[in-house]
Protein backbone atom coordinates (compact mmCIF):
# COMPACT_ATOMS: atom_id res chain seq x y z
CA MET A 1 78.92 91.16 96.61
CA GLU A 2 80.34 94.88 97.95
CA ARG A 3 83.44 94.11 100.06
CA ASP A 4 83.99 96.61 102.77
CA PHE A 5 87.53 97.12 104.43
CA LYS A 6 87.49 98.59 107.24
CA ALA A 7 89.01 98.08 110.12
CA PRO A 8 87.74 96.60 112.99
CA ASP A 9 87.51 98.20 116.72
CA PHE A 10 89.06 97.18 119.00
CA THR A 11 89.93 98.12 122.00
CA ALA A 12 91.53 97.37 125.23
CA ALA A 13 88.76 95.75 127.07
CA ASP A 14 88.74 93.18 124.58
CA PHE A 15 92.47 92.35 126.06
CA PRO A 16 93.20 90.42 129.44
CA ALA A 17 93.38 92.55 132.06
CA PRO A 18 97.14 94.03 132.99
CA ALA A 19 98.53 94.04 136.76
CA PHE A 20 99.96 97.64 136.19
CA PRO A 21 97.82 100.71 134.38
CA ALA A 22 97.07 100.03 131.28
CA SER A 23 96.52 103.69 130.11
CA ASP A 24 99.43 103.24 128.03
CA PHE A 25 98.29 99.87 126.07
CA GLN A 26 94.61 101.53 125.42
CA GLU A 27 96.24 105.01 123.76
CA PHE A 28 98.56 102.56 121.68
CA VAL A 29 95.48 100.04 120.72
CA ALA A 30 93.77 103.13 119.90
CA ALA A 31 96.29 105.07 117.93
CA ARG A 32 97.88 101.77 115.56
CA SER A 33 94.96 98.97 115.71
CA THR A 34 94.16 100.33 112.32
CA ALA A 35 97.42 100.25 110.96
CA LEU A 36 97.82 96.61 111.89
CA PHE A 37 95.07 95.97 110.53
CA ARG A 38 96.12 97.25 107.32
CA GLY A 39 99.36 95.16 107.27
CA ALA A 40 97.83 91.78 108.86
CA LEU A 41 94.82 92.83 105.94
CA VAL A 42 97.90 92.51 103.08
CA LEU A 43 99.67 89.56 104.92
CA THR A 44 96.80 87.24 105.52
CA GLY A 45 94.75 87.97 102.06
CA ASN A 46 91.48 87.60 104.32
CA ARG A 47 89.39 90.11 106.89
CA GLU A 48 88.60 87.64 109.06
CA ALA A 49 92.23 86.23 109.28
CA ALA A 50 93.73 89.83 109.89
CA GLU A 51 90.93 90.27 112.21
CA ASP A 52 92.06 87.41 114.27
CA LEU A 53 95.77 87.81 113.36
CA VAL A 54 95.60 91.84 114.91
CA GLN A 55 93.30 90.29 118.06
CA GLU A 56 95.96 87.32 118.58
CA THR A 57 99.04 89.84 118.30
CA LEU A 58 97.29 92.66 119.96
CA GLU A 59 96.81 89.75 123.09
CA LYS A 60 100.35 88.47 123.20
CA ALA A 61 101.41 92.61 123.50
CA CYS A 62 98.71 93.23 126.46
CA ARG A 63 100.91 90.04 128.43
CA LYS A 64 104.28 91.70 127.67
CA TRP A 65 103.60 95.70 127.74
CA ARG A 66 105.83 96.47 130.48
CA VAL A 67 108.24 94.95 128.60
CA ILE A 68 107.09 96.45 124.98
CA ALA A 69 106.33 100.19 126.82
CA SER A 70 109.67 100.23 127.92
CA LYS A 71 111.38 99.60 124.21
CA ASP A 72 112.28 102.34 122.66
CA ALA A 73 109.87 101.35 118.96
CA PRO A 74 106.65 99.80 121.05
CA ASP A 75 105.78 99.72 117.18
CA ALA A 76 108.25 97.91 116.15
CA TYR A 77 107.71 95.68 118.25
CA VAL A 78 104.06 94.90 118.07
CA ARG A 79 105.07 94.83 114.58
CA ARG A 80 107.17 92.27 114.66
CA ILE A 81 104.88 90.24 116.82
CA MET A 82 102.38 90.04 114.00
CA VAL A 83 105.06 89.56 111.51
CA ASN A 84 106.30 86.49 113.43
CA LEU A 85 102.63 84.96 113.88
CA ALA A 86 101.41 85.41 110.74
CA ASN A 87 104.71 83.60 109.89
CA ASP A 88 103.46 80.94 112.05
CA ARG A 89 100.30 80.55 110.38
CA TRP A 90 101.61 80.44 107.23
CA ARG A 91 103.66 77.68 108.04
CA ARG A 92 100.97 76.06 109.61
CA PHE A 93 97.96 76.43 107.16
CA ARG A 94 100.38 76.40 103.98
CA ARG A 95 98.79 75.57 101.10
CA LEU A 96 98.82 76.67 97.21
CA THR A 97 96.24 79.07 96.10
CA THR A 98 95.60 79.73 91.95
CA THR A 99 94.58 82.91 90.99
CA PRO A 100 91.79 83.00 87.80
CA HIS A 101 93.34 85.56 84.87
CA PRO A 102 90.20 87.57 84.39
CA GLU A 103 90.14 88.87 80.14
CA ALA A 104 92.49 90.94 79.03
CA GLY A 105 90.73 94.37 78.63
CA ASP A 106 88.61 93.84 82.25
CA THR A 107 90.17 96.46 83.39
CA ALA A 108 88.49 99.00 86.49
CA ALA A 109 87.05 102.37 84.75
CA PRO A 110 88.08 105.29 86.64
CA GLY A 111 85.76 106.03 89.55
CA ASP A 112 84.50 102.29 89.21
CA GLU A 113 84.09 101.95 93.20
CA TYR A 114 83.29 98.00 92.37
CA GLY A 115 86.31 97.88 89.65
CA GLN A 116 88.96 99.03 92.61
CA VAL A 117 87.27 96.91 94.98
CA ASP A 118 88.28 94.06 92.59
CA SER A 119 91.84 96.00 91.97
CA ARG A 120 92.78 95.89 95.18
CA ASP A 121 91.19 91.47 95.49
CA GLN A 122 93.39 91.42 92.89
CA LEU A 123 96.24 93.22 94.58
CA VAL A 124 95.88 91.38 97.87
CA ARG A 125 95.70 88.00 96.06
CA ALA A 126 99.03 88.25 94.22
CA LEU A 127 100.32 89.69 96.87
CA GLN A 128 99.91 86.13 98.51
CA GLN A 129 101.41 83.95 95.53
CA LEU A 130 104.83 86.10 97.10
CA PRO A 131 107.19 84.25 99.36
CA MET A 132 106.17 85.49 102.53
CA ARG A 133 109.81 87.26 103.47
CA MET A 134 109.30 88.98 100.49
CA ARG A 135 105.81 90.10 101.49
CA THR A 136 106.69 91.05 104.49
CA VAL A 137 109.63 93.52 103.39
CA VAL A 138 107.02 94.88 100.51
CA VAL A 139 104.42 94.85 103.19
CA LEU A 140 106.46 97.06 105.71
CA ARG A 141 107.52 99.31 102.86
CA TYR A 142 104.11 100.03 101.38
CA PHE A 143 101.82 99.59 104.29
CA HIS A 144 103.68 100.54 106.78
CA ASP A 145 105.96 103.37 105.15
CA LEU A 146 109.13 101.84 106.87
CA SER A 147 112.73 102.98 105.94
CA ASP A 148 115.43 99.79 104.79
CA GLY A 149 117.07 99.65 107.83
CA GLU A 150 113.75 100.07 109.72
CA ILE A 151 112.95 96.85 107.88
CA ALA A 152 116.17 95.05 108.43
CA ALA A 153 116.03 96.28 112.43
CA ASP A 154 112.06 94.74 112.38
CA LEU A 155 113.13 91.19 110.33
CA GLY A 156 115.99 91.15 111.72
CA ILE A 157 117.72 90.33 108.24
CA THR A 158 120.52 93.32 106.47
CA PRO A 159 119.09 96.58 104.71
CA SER A 160 121.08 94.35 101.38
CA THR A 161 119.08 91.48 102.02
CA VAL A 162 115.13 94.16 102.28
CA ARG A 163 116.64 95.78 98.83
CA SER A 164 116.66 92.61 96.99
CA GLN A 165 113.54 90.85 98.91
CA LEU A 166 111.59 93.70 97.57
CA ALA A 167 113.00 94.03 93.82
CA ARG A 168 112.76 90.69 93.80
CA GLY A 169 109.32 91.02 95.07
CA ILE A 170 108.33 94.33 93.00
CA GLU A 171 109.20 92.30 90.01
CA LYS A 172 107.25 89.32 90.68
CA LEU A 173 103.83 91.42 91.20
CA ARG A 174 104.84 93.40 88.01
CA SER A 175 105.21 90.51 86.14
CA GLN A 176 101.72 89.19 87.52
CA PHE A 177 100.13 92.21 86.82
CA SER A 178 101.33 92.51 82.97
CA ALA A 179 100.15 89.16 82.90
CA LEU A 180 96.66 89.87 83.92
CA SER A 181 96.73 93.56 82.10
CA GLY A 182 97.62 91.47 79.64
CA PRO A 183 98.85 94.10 76.24
CA SER A 184 97.97 97.32 75.67
CA ALA A 185 96.46 98.78 72.79
CA PRO A 186 98.76 100.09 70.05
CA ARG A 187 98.37 104.02 70.40
CA HIS A 188 97.44 105.71 67.15
CA THR A 189 100.10 108.57 66.51
CA GLU A 190 99.64 109.00 63.08
CA GLY A 191 99.31 112.43 61.96
CA ILE A 192 99.67 113.86 65.62
CA ARG A 193 102.31 116.55 66.25
């Protein structure tokens, strides 16, 4: 089964007509919807849920666009809407998922596109195992390239909390992937100078 991770094409026509000139909002949607979709995909772990999350985020942003556009950082404001909506969904639909572990040594060969999709799927599943705040911090750092200060401002937490959540999240991900990959094969180094 081939998976397509292309972001859906959202346009401002998909949202309620605002009572003000929508050119700014249309430009925002055109420029940021793909990045929002990537973040939503990692937050939700599911393409359909990510599309719904982005749609709902942009709908709320459209309704408040006059306020959002007047802010210094509309991107951060809209990201915060998305994170809040994801948290709400997480609380509403909280359920435990189990991730089957593939056999040790079952890794993708370089250039194996299907194997890379499997690795991406494993990463998304591993991220789903993290608590929501930890997952959000990891996504904002590595998928949105935000600094500690920017993440802290977006989430309303201190930069030191961001760093601790990030360190714990990365450690949990590493432990999950070391369990998935199993012990590495011993290298033969005898006789090599």
